[in-house]
């Protein structure tokens, strides 16, 4: 995935698909919690590319995971391209906490989607 094999064991990827709403948020929260097992530094990529609908019910689990990753000197980054997640993050004022990454590779490298587009244009 990247040039950091020593960090690979600390990287977790959580993939979601379909609808993320009040009925599916508990399962999503469990997956996020399971990804945070262990101790030490933690990096989590949440891949929402397969998500067709998302509401605010996933914000609490995402914020809890983000906070734990930060406490453990890591990060949580969200991959999404559809307008739904961006709208939820913007409406909740969390678009800076969860900038958009176009791919898991870009998330791993820390290149938000807007910067990736700028880089390709030059």
PDB file of N, CA and C in Angstrom:
ATOM      1  N   UNK A   1       0.809  -1.192   0.000  1.00  0.00           N
ATOM      2  CA  UNK A   1       0.000   0.000   0.000  1.00  0.00           C
ATOM      3  C   UNK A   1       0.849   1.251   0.000  1.00  0.00           C
ATOM      4  N   UNK A   2       1.929   1.233   0.729  1.00  0.00           N
ATOM      5  CA  UNK A   2       2.771   2.412   0.774  1.00  0.00           C
ATOM      6  C   UNK A   2       4.188   2.028   1.115  1.00  0.00           C
ATOM      7  N   UNK A   3       5.058   3.003   1.184  1.00  0.00           N
ATOM      8  CA  UNK A   3       6.466   2.725   1.457  1.00  0.00           C
ATOM      9  C   UNK A   3       6.771   2.602   2.946  1.00  0.00           C
ATOM     10  N   UNK A   4       5.810   2.276   3.784  1.00  0.00           N
ATOM     11  CA  UNK A   4       5.998   2.237   5.224  1.00  0.00           C
ATOM     12  C   UNK A   4       5.648   0.864   5.795  1.00  0.00           C
ATOM     13  N   UNK A   5       6.392  -0.184   5.455  1.00  0.00           N
ATOM     14  CA  UNK A   5       6.024  -1.517   5.940  1.00  0.00           C
ATOM     15  C   UNK A   5       6.053  -1.633   7.455  1.00  0.00           C
ATOM     16  N   UNK A   6       6.866  -0.827   8.128  1.00  0.00           N
ATOM     17  CA  UNK A   6       6.908  -0.892   9.580  1.00  0.00           C
ATOM     18  C   UNK A   6       5.628  -0.368  10.205  1.00  0.00           C
ATOM     19  N   UNK A   7       4.847   0.392   9.483  1.00  0.00           N
ATOM     20  CA  UNK A   7       3.587   0.926   9.982  1.00  0.00           C
ATOM     21  C   UNK A   7       2.396   0.080   9.564  1.00  0.00           C
ATOM     22  N   UNK A   8       2.591  -0.871   8.664  1.00  0.00           N
ATOM     23  CA  UNK A   8       1.465  -1.598   8.106  1.00  0.00           C
ATOM     24  C   UNK A   8       0.654  -2.319   9.165  1.00  0.00           C
ATOM     25  N   UNK A   9       1.317  -2.909  10.158  1.00  0.00           N
ATOM     26  CA  UNK A   9       0.585  -3.620  11.199  1.00  0.00           C
ATOM     27  C   UNK A   9      -0.264  -2.679  12.042  1.00  0.00           C
ATOM     28  N   UNK A  10       0.064  -1.404  12.039  1.00  0.00           N
ATOM     29  CA  UNK A  10      -0.691  -0.429  12.803  1.00  0.00           C
ATOM     30  C   UNK A  10      -1.826   0.177  11.980  1.00  0.00           C
ATOM     31  N   UNK A  11      -1.903  -0.156  10.697  1.00  0.00           N
ATOM     32  CA  UNK A  11      -2.934   0.374   9.814  1.00  0.00           C
ATOM     33  C   UNK A  11      -4.106  -0.580   9.763  1.00  0.00           C
ATOM     34  N   UNK A  12      -5.296  -0.046   9.943  1.00  0.00           N
ATOM     35  CA  UNK A  12      -6.522  -0.822   9.810  1.00  0.00           C
ATOM     36  C   UNK A  12      -7.390  -0.144   8.758  1.00  0.00           C
ATOM     37  N   UNK A  13      -8.068  -0.922   7.952  1.00  0.00           N
ATOM     38  CA  UNK A  13      -8.998  -0.392   6.958  1.00  0.00           C
ATOM     39  C   UNK A  13     -10.381  -0.942   7.283  1.00  0.00           C
ATOM     40  N   UNK A  14     -11.350  -0.037   7.408  1.00  0.00           N
ATOM     41  CA  UNK A  14     -12.743  -0.410   7.633  1.00  0.00           C
ATOM     42  C   UNK A  14     -13.501  -0.001   6.381  1.00  0.00           C
ATOM     43  N   UNK A  15     -14.145  -0.976   5.729  1.00  0.00           N
ATOM     44  CA  UNK A  15     -14.908  -0.695   4.514  1.00  0.00           C
ATOM     45  C   UNK A  15     -16.397  -0.816   4.810  1.00  0.00           C
ATOM     46  N   UNK A  16     -17.145   0.131   4.303  1.00  0.00           N
ATOM     47  CA  UNK A  16     -18.599   0.098   4.461  1.00  0.00           C
ATOM     48  C   UNK A  16     -19.227   0.176   3.079  1.00  0.00           C
ATOM     49  N   UNK A  17     -20.419  -0.390   2.961  1.00  0.00           N
ATOM     50  CA  UNK A  17     -21.134  -0.350   1.698  1.00  0.00           C
ATOM     51  C   UNK A  17     -22.622  -0.223   1.937  1.00  0.00           C
ATOM     52  N   UNK A  18     -23.341   0.126   0.900  1.00  0.00           N
ATOM     53  CA  UNK A  18     -24.790   0.279   1.015  1.00  0.00           C
ATOM     54  C   UNK A  18     -25.160   1.521   1.787  1.00  0.00           C
ATOM     55  N   UNK A  19     -26.161   1.383   2.643  1.00  0.00           N
ATOM     56  CA  UNK A  19     -26.651   2.535   3.411  1.00  0.00           C
ATOM     57  C   UNK A  19     -26.076   2.528   4.823  1.00  0.00           C
ATOM     58  N   UNK A  20     -25.598   3.682   5.250  1.00  0.00           N
ATOM     59  CA  UNK A  20     -25.165   3.876   6.633  1.00  0.00           C
ATOM     60  C   UNK A  20     -26.182   4.802   7.279  1.00  0.00           C
ATOM     61  N   UNK A  21     -27.046   4.208   8.077  1.00  0.00           N
ATOM     62  CA  UNK A  21     -28.113   4.979   8.707  1.00  0.00           C
ATOM     63  C   UNK A  21     -28.367   4.432  10.104  1.00  0.00           C
ATOM     64  N   UNK A  22     -29.449   4.846  10.694  1.00  0.00           N
ATOM     65  CA  UNK A  22     -29.766   4.458  12.059  1.00  0.00           C
ATOM     66  C   UNK A  22     -29.801   2.941  12.248  1.00  0.00           C
ATOM     67  N   UNK A  23     -30.215   2.203  11.236  1.00  0.00           N
ATOM     68  CA  UNK A  23     -30.312   0.745  11.379  1.00  0.00           C
ATOM     69  C   UNK A  23     -28.972   0.042  11.179  1.00  0.00           C
ATOM     70  N   UNK A  24     -28.075   0.623  10.407  1.00  0.00           N
ATOM     71  CA  UNK A  24     -26.788  -0.021  10.137  1.00  0.00           C
ATOM     72  C   UNK A  24     -25.639   0.591  10.930  1.00  0.00           C
ATOM     73  N   UNK A  25     -25.857   1.733  11.555  1.00  0.00           N
ATOM     74  CA  UNK A  25     -24.793   2.398  12.316  1.00  0.00           C
ATOM     75  C   UNK A  25     -24.231   1.538  13.450  1.00  0.00           C
ATOM     76  N   UNK A  26     -25.057   0.759  14.188  1.00  0.00           N
ATOM     77  CA  UNK A  26     -24.481  -0.072  15.256  1.00  0.00           C
ATOM     78  C   UNK A  26     -23.450  -1.091  14.738  1.00  0.00           C
ATOM     79  N   UNK A  27     -23.717  -1.718  13.614  1.00  0.00           N
ATOM     80  CA  UNK A  27     -22.753  -2.669  13.043  1.00  0.00           C
ATOM     81  C   UNK A  27     -21.491  -1.942  12.591  1.00  0.00           C
ATOM     82  N   UNK A  28     -21.661  -0.778  11.993  1.00  0.00           N
ATOM     83  CA  UNK A  28     -20.521   0.042  11.580  1.00  0.00           C
ATOM     84  C   UNK A  28     -19.683   0.440  12.795  1.00  0.00           C
ATOM     85  N   UNK A  29     -20.351   0.828  13.881  1.00  0.00           N
ATOM     86  CA  UNK A  29     -19.652   1.205  15.113  1.00  0.00           C
ATOM     87  C   UNK A  29     -18.861   0.019  15.667  1.00  0.00           C
ATOM     88  N   UNK A  30     -19.431  -1.179  15.604  1.00  0.00           N
ATOM     89  CA  UNK A  30     -18.722  -2.377  16.072  1.00  0.00           C
ATOM     90  C   UNK A  30     -17.477  -2.650  15.228  1.00  0.00           C
ATOM     91  N   UNK A  31     -17.590  -2.461  13.915  1.00  0.00           N
ATOM     92  CA  UNK A  31     -16.433  -2.658  13.040  1.00  0.00           C
ATOM     93  C   UNK A  31     -15.333  -1.655  13.352  1.00  0.00           C
ATOM     94  N   UNK A  32     -15.720  -0.406  13.583  1.00  0.00           N
ATOM     95  CA  UNK A  32     -14.729   0.611  13.955  1.00  0.00           C
ATOM     96  C   UNK A  32     -14.060   0.272  15.281  1.00  0.00           C
ATOM     97  N   UNK A  33     -14.851  -0.192  16.228  1.00  0.00           N
ATOM     98  CA  UNK A  33     -14.302  -0.559  17.542  1.00  0.00           C
ATOM     99  C   UNK A  33     -13.351  -1.749  17.416  1.00  0.00           C
ATOM    100  N   UNK A  34     -13.730  -2.738  16.627  1.00  0.00           N
ATOM    101  CA  UNK A  34     -12.879  -3.913  16.426  1.00  0.00           C
ATOM    102  C   UNK A  34     -11.555  -3.528  15.756  1.00  0.00           C
ATOM    103  N   UNK A  35     -11.597  -2.547  14.870  1.00  0.00           N
ATOM    104  CA  UNK A  35     -10.384  -2.107  14.177  1.00  0.00           C
ATOM    105  C   UNK A  35      -9.410  -1.429  15.130  1.00  0.00           C
ATOM    106  N   UNK A  36      -9.904  -0.982  16.269  1.00  0.00           N
ATOM    107  CA  UNK A  36      -9.055  -0.247  17.212  1.00  0.00           C
ATOM    108  C   UNK A  36      -8.493  -1.142  18.306  1.00  0.00           C
ATOM    109  N   UNK A  37      -8.574  -2.459  18.140  1.00  0.00           N
ATOM    110  CA  UNK A  37      -8.050  -3.366  19.166  1.00  0.00           C
ATOM    111  C   UNK A  37      -6.533  -3.200  19.304  1.00  0.00           C
ATOM    112  N   UNK A  38      -6.019  -3.634  20.392  1.00  0.00           N
ATOM    113  CA  UNK A  38      -4.579  -3.567  20.622  1.00  0.00           C
ATOM    114  C   UNK A  38      -4.157  -2.261  21.261  1.00  0.00           C
ATOM    115  N   UNK A  39      -2.864  -2.084  21.322  1.00  0.00           N
ATOM    116  CA  UNK A  39      -2.308  -0.878  21.913  1.00  0.00           C
ATOM    117  C   UNK A  39      -1.303  -0.278  20.945  1.00  0.00           C
ATOM    118  N   UNK A  40      -0.783   0.866  21.291  1.00  0.00           N
ATOM    119  CA  UNK A  40       0.221   1.516  20.450  1.00  0.00           C
ATOM    120  C   UNK A  40      -0.404   2.435  19.425  1.00  0.00           C
ATOM    121  N   UNK A  41       0.433   2.931  18.562  1.00  0.00           N
ATOM    122  CA  UNK A  41       0.008   3.871  17.529  1.00  0.00           C
ATOM    123  C   UNK A  41      -1.029   3.204  16.624  1.00  0.00           C
ATOM    124  N   UNK A  42      -1.973   4.005  16.120  1.00  0.00           N
ATOM    125  CA  UNK A  42      -3.064   3.442  15.339  1.00  0.00           C
ATOM    126  C   UNK A  42      -3.429   4.360  14.177  1.00  0.00           C
ATOM    127  N   UNK A  43      -3.510   3.769  13.003  1.00  0.00           N
ATOM    128  CA  UNK A  43      -3.931   4.463  11.792  1.00  0.00           C
ATOM    129  C   UNK A  43      -5.142   3.733  11.241  1.00  0.00           C
ATOM    130  N   UNK A  44      -6.220   4.466  10.972  1.00  0.00           N
ATOM    131  CA  UNK A  44      -7.446   3.850  10.457  1.00  0.00           C
ATOM    132  C   UNK A  44      -7.882   4.583   9.203  1.00  0.00           C
ATOM    133  N   UNK A  45      -8.129   3.823   8.165  1.00  0.00           N
ATOM    134  CA  UNK A  45      -8.726   4.351   6.937  1.00  0.00           C
ATOM    135  C   UNK A  45     -10.140   3.798   6.877  1.00  0.00           C
ATOM    136  N   UNK A  46     -11.112   4.692   6.801  1.00  0.00           N
ATOM    137  CA  UNK A  46     -12.511   4.306   6.669  1.00  0.00           C
ATOM    138  C   UNK A  46     -12.886   4.517   5.203  1.00  0.00           C
ATOM    139  N   UNK A  47     -13.129   3.427   4.512  1.00  0.00           N
ATOM    140  CA  UNK A  47     -13.423   3.451   3.080  1.00  0.00           C
ATOM    141  C   UNK A  47     -14.936   3.438   2.877  1.00  0.00           C
ATOM    142  N   UNK A  48     -15.467   4.570   2.441  1.00  0.00           N
ATOM    143  CA  UNK A  48     -16.906   4.707   2.205  1.00  0.00           C
ATOM    144  C   UNK A  48     -17.246   4.711   0.718  1.00  0.00           C
ATOM    145  N   UNK A  49     -16.349   4.232  -0.120  1.00  0.00           N
ATOM    146  CA  UNK A  49     -16.598   4.257  -1.567  1.00  0.00           C
ATOM    147  C   UNK A  49     -17.841   3.470  -1.964  1.00  0.00           C
ATOM    148  N   UNK A  50     -18.169   2.429  -1.223  1.00  0.00           N
ATOM    149  CA  UNK A  50     -19.346   1.615  -1.533  1.00  0.00           C
ATOM    150  C   UNK A  50     -20.622   2.094  -0.872  1.00  0.00           C
ATOM    151  N   UNK A  51     -20.560   3.207  -0.161  1.00  0.00           N
ATOM    152  CA  UNK A  51     -21.733   3.717   0.554  1.00  0.00           C
ATOM    153  C   UNK A  51     -22.619   4.509  -0.411  1.00  0.00           C
ATOM    154  N   UNK A  52     -23.890   4.129  -0.467  1.00  0.00           N
ATOM    155  CA  UNK A  52     -24.841   4.801  -1.356  1.00  0.00           C
ATOM    156  C   UNK A  52     -25.657   5.876  -0.640  1.00  0.00           C
ATOM    157  N   UNK A  53     -25.740   5.771   0.687  1.00  0.00           N
ATOM    158  CA  UNK A  53     -26.476   6.757   1.498  1.00  0.00           C
ATOM    159  C   UNK A  53     -25.835   6.793   2.882  1.00  0.00           C
ATOM    160  N   UNK A  54     -25.734   7.989   3.444  1.00  0.00           N
ATOM    161  CA  UNK A  54     -25.186   8.122   4.790  1.00  0.00           C
ATOM    162  C   UNK A  54     -25.915   9.246   5.501  1.00  0.00           C
ATOM    163  N   UNK A  55     -26.276   8.993   6.772  1.00  0.00           N
ATOM    164  CA  UNK A  55     -26.861  10.063   7.573  1.00  0.00           C
ATOM    165  C   UNK A  55     -25.969  10.315   8.793  1.00  0.00           C
ATOM    166  N   UNK A  56     -26.383  11.207   9.647  1.00  0.00           N
ATOM    167  CA  UNK A  56     -25.579  11.625  10.784  1.00  0.00           C
ATOM    168  C   UNK A  56     -25.412  10.597  11.879  1.00  0.00           C
ATOM    169  N   UNK A  57     -26.099   9.465  11.784  1.00  0.00           N
ATOM    170  CA  UNK A  57     -26.001   8.459  12.839  1.00  0.00           C
ATOM    171  C   UNK A  57     -24.614   7.824  12.918  1.00  0.00           C
ATOM    172  N   UNK A  58     -23.792   7.986  11.910  1.00  0.00           N
ATOM    173  CA  UNK A  58     -22.440   7.415  11.939  1.00  0.00           C
ATOM    174  C   UNK A  58     -21.411   8.395  12.498  1.00  0.00           C
ATOM    175  N   UNK A  59     -21.822   9.615  12.783  1.00  0.00           N
ATOM    176  CA  UNK A  59     -20.853  10.612  13.238  1.00  0.00           C
ATOM    177  C   UNK A  59     -20.286  10.305  14.618  1.00  0.00           C
ATOM    178  N   UNK A  60     -21.115   9.861  15.551  1.00  0.00           N
ATOM    179  CA  UNK A  60     -20.605   9.541  16.887  1.00  0.00           C
ATOM    180  C   UNK A  60     -19.536   8.447  16.836  1.00  0.00           C
ATOM    181  N   UNK A  61     -19.791   7.310  16.158  1.00  0.00           N
ATOM    182  CA  UNK A  61     -18.739   6.289  16.097  1.00  0.00           C
ATOM    183  C   UNK A  61     -17.474   6.777  15.375  1.00  0.00           C
ATOM    184  N   UNK A  62     -17.649   7.565  14.318  1.00  0.00           N
ATOM    185  CA  UNK A  62     -16.485   8.089  13.601  1.00  0.00           C
ATOM    186  C   UNK A  62     -15.676   9.029  14.494  1.00  0.00           C
ATOM    187  N   UNK A  63     -16.365   9.912  15.212  1.00  0.00           N
ATOM    188  CA  UNK A  63     -15.673  10.858  16.095  1.00  0.00           C
ATOM    189  C   UNK A  63     -14.973  10.126  17.237  1.00  0.00           C
ATOM    190  N   UNK A  64     -15.595   9.098  17.787  1.00  0.00           N
ATOM    191  CA  UNK A  64     -14.962   8.321  18.861  1.00  0.00           C
ATOM    192  C   UNK A  64     -13.695   7.645  18.345  1.00  0.00           C
ATOM    193  N   UNK A  65     -13.769   7.081  17.148  1.00  0.00           N
ATOM    194  CA  UNK A  65     -12.598   6.427  16.561  1.00  0.00           C
ATOM    195  C   UNK A  65     -11.510   7.452  16.261  1.00  0.00           C
ATOM    196  N   UNK A  66     -11.898   8.617  15.742  1.00  0.00           N
ATOM    197  CA  UNK A  66     -10.934   9.686  15.439  1.00  0.00           C
ATOM    198  C   UNK A  66     -10.199  10.104  16.708  1.00  0.00           C
ATOM    199  N   UNK A  67     -10.962  10.291  17.787  1.00  0.00           N
ATOM    200  CA  UNK A  67     -10.360  10.724  19.050  1.00  0.00           C
ATOM    201  C   UNK A  67      -9.398   9.664  19.599  1.00  0.00           C
ATOM    202  N   UNK A  68      -9.783   8.397  19.524  1.00  0.00           N
ATOM    203  CA  UNK A  68      -8.900   7.356  20.029  1.00  0.00           C
ATOM    204  C   UNK A  68      -7.621   7.266  19.206  1.00  0.00           C
ATOM    205  N   UNK A  69      -7.752   7.383  17.892  1.00  0.00           N
ATOM    206  CA  UNK A  69      -6.559   7.358  17.038  1.00  0.00           C
ATOM    207  C   UNK A  69      -5.618   8.508  17.396  1.00  0.00           C
ATOM    208  N   UNK A  70      -6.166   9.683  17.606  1.00  0.00           N
ATOM    209  CA  UNK A  70      -5.345  10.845  17.989  1.00  0.00           C
ATOM    210  C   UNK A  70      -4.667  10.615  19.330  1.00  0.00           C
ATOM    211  N   UNK A  71      -5.410  10.064  20.297  1.00  0.00           N
ATOM    212  CA  UNK A  71      -4.828   9.776  21.612  1.00  0.00           C
ATOM    213  C   UNK A  71      -3.677   8.775  21.501  1.00  0.00           C
ATOM    214  N   UNK A  72      -3.762   7.901  20.527  1.00  0.00           N
ATOM    215  CA  UNK A  72      -2.732   6.878  20.338  1.00  0.00           C
ATOM    216  C   UNK A  72      -1.687   7.319  19.310  1.00  0.00           C
ATOM    217  N   UNK A  73      -1.613   8.647  19.068  1.00  0.00           N
ATOM    218  CA  UNK A  73      -0.613   9.264  18.191  1.00  0.00           C
ATOM    219  C   UNK A  73      -0.717   8.815  16.738  1.00  0.00           C
ATOM    220  N   UNK A  74      -1.927   8.516  16.316  1.00  0.00           N
ATOM    221  CA  UNK A  74      -2.173   8.126  14.934  1.00  0.00           C
ATOM    222  C   UNK A  74      -3.192   9.051  14.290  1.00  0.00           C
ATOM    223  N   UNK A  75      -3.939   8.521  13.350  1.00  0.00           N
ATOM    224  CA  UNK A  75      -4.966   9.297  12.663  1.00  0.00           C
ATOM    225  C   UNK A  75      -6.061   8.378  12.129  1.00  0.00           C
ATOM    226  N   UNK A  76      -7.186   9.007  11.767  1.00  0.00           N
ATOM    227  CA  UNK A  76      -8.288   8.340  11.078  1.00  0.00           C
ATOM    228  C   UNK A  76      -8.600   9.196   9.861  1.00  0.00           C
ATOM    229  N   UNK A  77      -8.658   8.577   8.699  1.00  0.00           N
ATOM    230  CA  UNK A  77      -8.955   9.294   7.452  1.00  0.00           C
ATOM    231  C   UNK A  77     -10.083   8.585   6.721  1.00  0.00           C
ATOM    232  N   UNK A  78     -10.918   9.384   6.051  1.00  0.00           N
ATOM    233  CA  UNK A  78     -12.122   8.855   5.415  1.00  0.00           C
ATOM    234  C   UNK A  78     -12.020   8.992   3.892  1.00  0.00           C
ATOM    235  N   UNK A  79     -12.257   7.881   3.213  1.00  0.00           N
ATOM    236  CA  UNK A  79     -12.254   7.835   1.748  1.00  0.00           C
ATOM    237  C   UNK A  79     -13.701   7.882   1.288  1.00  0.00           C
ATOM    238  N   UNK A  80     -14.029   8.883   0.473  1.00  0.00           N
ATOM    239  CA  UNK A  80     -15.374   8.958  -0.114  1.00  0.00           C
ATOM    240  C   UNK A  80     -15.342   9.862  -1.331  1.00  0.00           C
ATOM    241  N   UNK A  81     -16.221   9.584  -2.278  1.00  0.00           N
ATOM    242  CA  UNK A  81     -16.301  10.398  -3.487  1.00  0.00           C
ATOM    243  C   UNK A  81     -17.718  10.878  -3.780  1.00  0.00           C
ATOM    244  N   UNK A  82     -18.701  10.246  -3.188  1.00  0.00           N
ATOM    245  CA  UNK A  82     -20.093  10.636  -3.423  1.00  0.00           C
ATOM    246  C   UNK A  82     -20.454  11.862  -2.591  1.00  0.00           C
ATOM    247  N   UNK A  83     -21.448  12.607  -3.007  1.00  0.00           N
ATOM    248  CA  UNK A  83     -21.797  13.834  -2.285  1.00  0.00           C
ATOM    249  C   UNK A  83     -22.414  13.606  -0.907  1.00  0.00           C
ATOM    250  N   UNK A  84     -23.024  12.450  -0.645  1.00  0.00           N
ATOM    251  CA  UNK A  84     -23.695  12.199   0.633  1.00  0.00           C
ATOM    252  C   UNK A  84     -22.803  12.375   1.849  1.00  0.00           C
ATOM    253  N   UNK A  85     -21.674  11.645   1.927  1.00  0.00           N
ATOM    254  CA  UNK A  85     -20.803  11.824   3.083  1.00  0.00           C
ATOM    255  C   UNK A  85     -20.289  13.255   3.228  1.00  0.00           C
ATOM    256  N   UNK A  86     -19.933  13.883   2.120  1.00  0.00           N
ATOM    257  CA  UNK A  86     -19.441  15.263   2.186  1.00  0.00           C
ATOM    258  C   UNK A  86     -20.510  16.191   2.757  1.00  0.00           C
ATOM    259  N   UNK A  87     -21.748  15.975   2.364  1.00  0.00           N
ATOM    260  CA  UNK A  87     -22.851  16.791   2.871  1.00  0.00           C
ATOM    261  C   UNK A  87     -23.039  16.593   4.371  1.00  0.00           C
ATOM    262  N   UNK A  88     -22.965  15.352   4.833  1.00  0.00           N
ATOM    263  CA  UNK A  88     -23.110  15.059   6.266  1.00  0.00           C
ATOM    264  C   UNK A  88     -21.974  15.720   7.053  1.00  0.00           C
ATOM    265  N   UNK A  89     -20.738  15.597   6.561  1.00  0.00           N
ATOM    266  CA  UNK A  89     -19.606  16.209   7.260  1.00  0.00           C
ATOM    267  C   UNK A  89     -19.708  17.735   7.260  1.00  0.00           C
ATOM    268  N   UNK A  90     -20.134  18.309   6.157  1.00  0.00           N
ATOM    269  CA  UNK A  90     -20.271  19.769   6.072  1.00  0.00           C
ATOM    270  C   UNK A  90     -21.395  20.269   6.982  1.00  0.00           C
ATOM    271  N   UNK A  91     -22.539  19.593   6.964  1.00  0.00           N
ATOM    272  CA  UNK A  91     -23.683  20.012   7.777  1.00  0.00           C
ATOM    273  C   UNK A  91     -23.378  19.924   9.269  1.00  0.00           C
ATOM    274  N   UNK A  92     -22.501  18.997   9.649  1.00  0.00           N
ATOM    275  CA  UNK A  92     -22.158  18.834  11.063  1.00  0.00           C
ATOM    276  C   UNK A  92     -20.933  19.648  11.462  1.00  0.00           C
ATOM    277  N   UNK A  93     -20.348  20.348  10.513  1.00  0.00           N
ATOM    278  CA  UNK A  93     -19.163  21.146  10.806  1.00  0.00           C
ATOM    279  C   UNK A  93     -17.906  20.312  10.975  1.00  0.00           C
ATOM    280  N   UNK A  94     -17.894  19.101  10.422  1.00  0.00           N
ATOM    281  CA  UNK A  94     -16.753  18.194  10.601  1.00  0.00           C
ATOM    282  C   UNK A  94     -15.936  17.982   9.329  1.00  0.00           C
ATOM    283  N   UNK A  95     -16.124  18.826   8.324  1.00  0.00           N
ATOM    284  CA  UNK A  95     -15.396  18.615   7.076  1.00  0.00           C
ATOM    285  C   UNK A  95     -13.893  18.814   7.246  1.00  0.00           C
ATOM    286  N   UNK A  96     -13.463  19.618   8.223  1.00  0.00           N
ATOM    287  CA  UNK A  96     -12.027  19.759   8.455  1.00  0.00           C
ATOM    288  C   UNK A  96     -11.472  18.553   9.205  1.00  0.00           C
ATOM    289  N   UNK A  97     -12.250  17.984  10.100  1.00  0.00           N
ATOM    290  CA  UNK A  97     -11.814  16.784  10.826  1.00  0.00           C
ATOM    291  C   UNK A  97     -11.755  15.598   9.876  1.00  0.00           C
ATOM    292  N   UNK A  98     -12.698  15.532   8.940  1.00  0.00           N
ATOM    293  CA  UNK A  98     -12.773  14.418   8.009  1.00  0.00           C
ATOM    294  C   UNK A  98     -12.678  14.913   6.566  1.00  0.00           C
ATOM    295  N   UNK A  99     -11.492  15.379   6.146  1.00  0.00           N
ATOM    296  CA  UNK A  99     -11.365  15.799   4.739  1.00  0.00           C
ATOM    297  C   UNK A  99     -11.540  14.589   3.826  1.00  0.00           C
ATOM    298  N   UNK A 100     -11.893  14.847   2.609  1.00  0.00           N
ATOM    299  CA  UNK A 100     -12.167  13.777   1.644  1.00  0.00           C
ATOM    300  C   UNK A 100     -10.868  13.268   1.028  1.00  0.00           C
ATOM    301  N   UNK A 101     -10.731  11.948   1.030  1.00  0.00           N
ATOM    302  CA  UNK A 101      -9.641  11.277   0.327  1.00  0.00           C
ATOM    303  C   UNK A 101     -10.277  10.453  -0.780  1.00  0.00           C
ATOM    304  N   UNK A 102      -9.680  10.482  -1.964  1.00  0.00           N
ATOM    305  CA  UNK A 102     -10.270   9.804  -3.120  1.00  0.00           C
ATOM    306  C   UNK A 102      -9.984   8.307  -3.144  1.00  0.00           C
ATOM    307  N   UNK A 103      -8.946   7.865  -2.442  1.00  0.00           N
ATOM    308  CA  UNK A 103      -8.590   6.441  -2.434  1.00  0.00           C
ATOM    309  C   UNK A 103      -7.879   6.112  -1.126  1.00  0.00           C
ATOM    310  N   UNK A 104      -7.809   4.830  -0.828  1.00  0.00           N
ATOM    311  CA  UNK A 104      -7.083   4.402   0.366  1.00  0.00           C
ATOM    312  C   UNK A 104      -5.603   4.757   0.237  1.00  0.00           C
ATOM    313  N   UNK A 105      -5.078   4.684  -0.953  1.00  0.00           N
ATOM    314  CA  UNK A 105      -3.666   5.045  -1.184  1.00  0.00           C
ATOM    315  C   UNK A 105      -3.436   6.514  -0.864  1.00  0.00           C
ATOM    316  N   UNK A 106      -4.319   7.385  -1.341  1.00  0.00           N
ATOM    317  CA  UNK A 106      -4.189   8.809  -1.030  1.00  0.00           C
ATOM    318  C   UNK A 106      -4.337   9.058   0.468  1.00  0.00           C
ATOM    319  N   UNK A 107      -5.256   8.335   1.111  1.00  0.00           N
ATOM    320  CA  UNK A 107      -5.433   8.485   2.559  1.00  0.00           C
ATOM    321  C   UNK A 107      -4.155   8.075   3.282  1.00  0.00           C
ATOM    322  N   UNK A 108      -3.564   6.961   2.891  1.00  0.00           N
ATOM    323  CA  UNK A 108      -2.333   6.495   3.520  1.00  0.00           C
ATOM    324  C   UNK A 108      -1.226   7.534   3.357  1.00  0.00           C
ATOM    325  N   UNK A 109      -1.149   8.136   2.180  1.00  0.00           N
ATOM    326  CA  UNK A 109      -0.107   9.132   1.910  1.00  0.00           C
ATOM    327  C   UNK A 109      -0.438  10.505   2.492  1.00  0.00           C
ATOM    328  N   UNK A 110      -1.677  10.690   2.945  1.00  0.00           N
ATOM    329  CA  UNK A 110      -2.066  11.973   3.517  1.00  0.00           C
ATOM    330  C   UNK A 110      -2.336  13.040   2.478  1.00  0.00           C
ATOM    331  N   UNK A 111      -2.826  12.627   1.305  1.00  0.00           N
ATOM    332  CA  UNK A 111      -3.109  13.566   0.219  1.00  0.00           C
ATOM    333  C   UNK A 111      -4.622  13.678   0.043  1.00  0.00           C
ATOM    334  N   UNK A 112      -5.245  14.727   0.621  1.00  0.00           N
ATOM    335  CA  UNK A 112      -6.689  14.911   0.453  1.00  0.00           C
ATOM    336  C   UNK A 112      -7.053  15.049  -1.022  1.00  0.00           C
ATOM    337  N   UNK A 113      -8.292  14.752  -1.355  1.00  0.00           N
ATOM    338  CA  UNK A 113      -8.744  14.749  -2.753  1.00  0.00           C
ATOM    339  C   UNK A 113      -8.486  16.074  -3.443  1.00  0.00           C
ATOM    340  N   UNK A 114      -8.726  17.179  -2.774  1.00  0.00           N
ATOM    341  CA  UNK A 114      -8.509  18.485  -3.408  1.00  0.00           C
ATOM    342  C   UNK A 114      -7.037  18.700  -3.750  1.00  0.00           C
ATOM    343  N   UNK A 115      -6.144  18.291  -2.874  1.00  0.00           N
ATOM    344  CA  UNK A 115      -4.709  18.418  -3.157  1.00  0.00           C
ATOM    345  C   UNK A 115      -4.275  17.464  -4.251  1.00  0.00           C
ATOM    346  N   UNK A 116      -4.863  16.261  -4.305  1.00  0.00           N
ATOM    347  CA  UNK A 116      -4.513  15.290  -5.338  1.00  0.00           C
ATOM    348  C   UNK A 116      -4.875  15.829  -6.717  1.00  0.00           C
ATOM    349  N   UNK A 117      -6.031  16.490  -6.822  1.00  0.00           N
ATOM    350  CA  UNK A 117      -6.464  17.072  -8.097  1.00  0.00           C
ATOM    351  C   UNK A 117      -5.507  18.195  -8.496  1.00  0.00           C
ATOM    352  N   UNK A 118      -5.138  19.049  -7.528  1.00  0.00           N
ATOM    353  CA  UNK A 118      -4.201  20.142  -7.813  1.00  0.00           C
ATOM    354  C   UNK A 118      -2.866  19.590  -8.291  1.00  0.00           C
ATOM    355  N   UNK A 119      -2.383  18.529  -7.637  1.00  0.00           N
ATOM    356  CA  UNK A 119      -1.097  17.948  -8.000  1.00  0.00           C
ATOM    357  C   UNK A 119      -1.121  17.369  -9.398  1.00  0.00           C
ATOM    358  N   UNK A 120      -2.236  16.736  -9.772  1.00  0.00           N
ATOM    359  CA  UNK A 120      -2.328  16.137 -11.111  1.00  0.00           C
ATOM    360  C   UNK A 120      -2.428  17.196 -12.187  1.00  0.00           C
ATOM    361  N   UNK A 121      -2.971  18.369 -11.857  1.00  0.00           N
ATOM    362  CA  UNK A 121      -3.145  19.436 -12.837  1.00  0.00           C
ATOM    363  C   UNK A 121      -1.819  20.135 -13.154  1.00  0.00           C
ATOM    364  N   UNK A 122      -0.852  20.030 -12.256  1.00  0.00           N
ATOM    365  CA  UNK A 122       0.412  20.725 -12.499  1.00  0.00           C
ATOM    366  C   UNK A 122       1.400  19.871 -13.214  1.00  0.00           C
TER     367      UNK A 122
END
